[in-house]
Amino acid sequence: MPRKKLTLSVEEEAIRKARWFSKKHHTSISSLVSDFLSSLGDSENPDTPIVTRLRGVLRPDTRIEEYEEYLIEKYTR
């Protein structure tokens, strides 16, 4: 899908956090915003509260196995 430029006004603290998060997760702020906007549901099929809370936590290309490995490592330390 073709990309278009979008100009946003965002608080400095939000920009600082976005830069930190994007660096930590090896992505760009543009990708973060694009993934978030793409993940927005429509009003006919609202997400459950847990899905809403978890949205954006994982990269869209994350495999289930990667997430399982993460949980095992996190909770067996």
Protein backbone atom coordinates (compact mmCIF):
# COMPACT_ATOMS: atom_id res chain seq x y z
CA MET A 1 0.00 0.00 0.00
CA PRO A 2 1.42 3.45 -0.84
CA ARG A 3 2.47 5.62 2.06
CA LYS A 4 1.57 9.27 2.55
CA LYS A 5 3.21 11.88 4.72
CA LEU A 6 1.32 13.03 7.81
CA THR A 7 2.25 15.92 10.08
CA LEU A 8 1.29 15.60 13.75
CA SER A 9 1.54 17.87 16.76
CA VAL A 10 2.61 15.84 19.79
CA GLU A 11 3.80 16.75 23.28
CA GLU A 12 7.58 16.67 23.71
CA GLU A 13 7.40 13.99 26.40
CA ALA A 14 5.40 11.72 24.07
CA ILE A 15 8.01 12.23 21.36
CA ARG A 16 10.80 11.37 23.79
CA LYS A 17 9.02 8.17 24.82
CA ALA A 18 8.28 7.24 21.20
CA ARG A 19 11.95 7.68 20.25
CA TRP A 20 13.05 5.54 23.19
CA PHE A 21 10.47 2.83 22.42
CA SER A 22 11.23 2.75 18.70
CA LYS A 23 14.96 2.47 19.36
CA LYS A 24 14.46 -0.31 21.90
CA HIS A 25 12.22 -2.26 19.51
CA HIS A 26 14.27 -1.58 16.36
CA THR A 27 11.49 0.18 14.50
CA SER A 28 10.56 3.70 13.46
CA ILE A 29 8.04 6.10 14.92
CA SER A 30 6.31 6.10 11.53
CA SER A 31 5.89 2.34 11.77
CA LEU A 32 4.58 2.59 15.33
CA VAL A 33 1.96 5.16 14.33
CA SER A 34 1.04 3.27 11.16
CA ASP A 35 0.68 -0.05 13.04
CA PHE A 36 -1.43 1.62 15.72
CA LEU A 37 -3.74 3.31 13.23
CA SER A 38 -4.08 0.07 11.27
CA SER A 39 -5.00 -1.79 14.44
CA LEU A 40 -7.97 0.43 15.24
CA GLY A 41 -11.16 -1.59 15.08
CA ASP A 42 -14.43 -0.50 13.66
CA SER A 43 -17.48 0.35 15.74
CA GLU A 44 -19.40 -2.69 14.46
CA ASN A 45 -16.91 -5.13 16.03
CA PRO A 46 -15.52 -3.52 19.18
CA ASP A 47 -12.56 -5.20 20.83
CA THR A 48 -12.78 -6.73 24.26
CA PRO A 49 -11.09 -4.78 27.09
CA ILE A 50 -8.12 -7.18 27.23
CA VAL A 51 -7.49 -6.83 23.49
CA THR A 52 -7.68 -3.07 23.81
CA ARG A 53 -5.18 -3.14 26.69
CA LEU A 54 -2.74 -5.38 24.83
CA ARG A 55 -2.93 -3.64 21.45
CA GLY A 56 0.48 -2.41 20.36
CA VAL A 57 2.46 -4.53 22.81
CA LEU A 58 3.74 -6.96 20.20
CA ARG A 59 5.10 -6.34 16.73
CA PRO A 60 2.57 -7.38 14.08
CA ASP A 61 5.01 -10.00 12.72
CA THR A 62 5.62 -11.65 16.11
CA ARG A 63 5.22 -15.43 16.03
CA ILE A 64 3.29 -17.20 18.78
CA GLU A 65 6.42 -19.23 19.58
CA GLU A 66 8.42 -16.05 20.21
CA TYR A 67 5.77 -14.81 22.62
CA GLU A 68 5.67 -18.15 24.43
CA GLU A 69 9.48 -18.10 24.79
CA TYR A 70 9.28 -14.57 26.16
CA LEU A 71 6.66 -15.60 28.76
CA ILE A 72 8.66 -18.65 29.83
CA GLU A 73 11.79 -16.55 30.28
CA LYS A 74 9.93 -13.79 32.09
CA TYR A 75 8.14 -16.01 34.60
CA THR A 76 10.82 -18.63 35.26
CA ARG A 77 13.66 -16.35 36.33
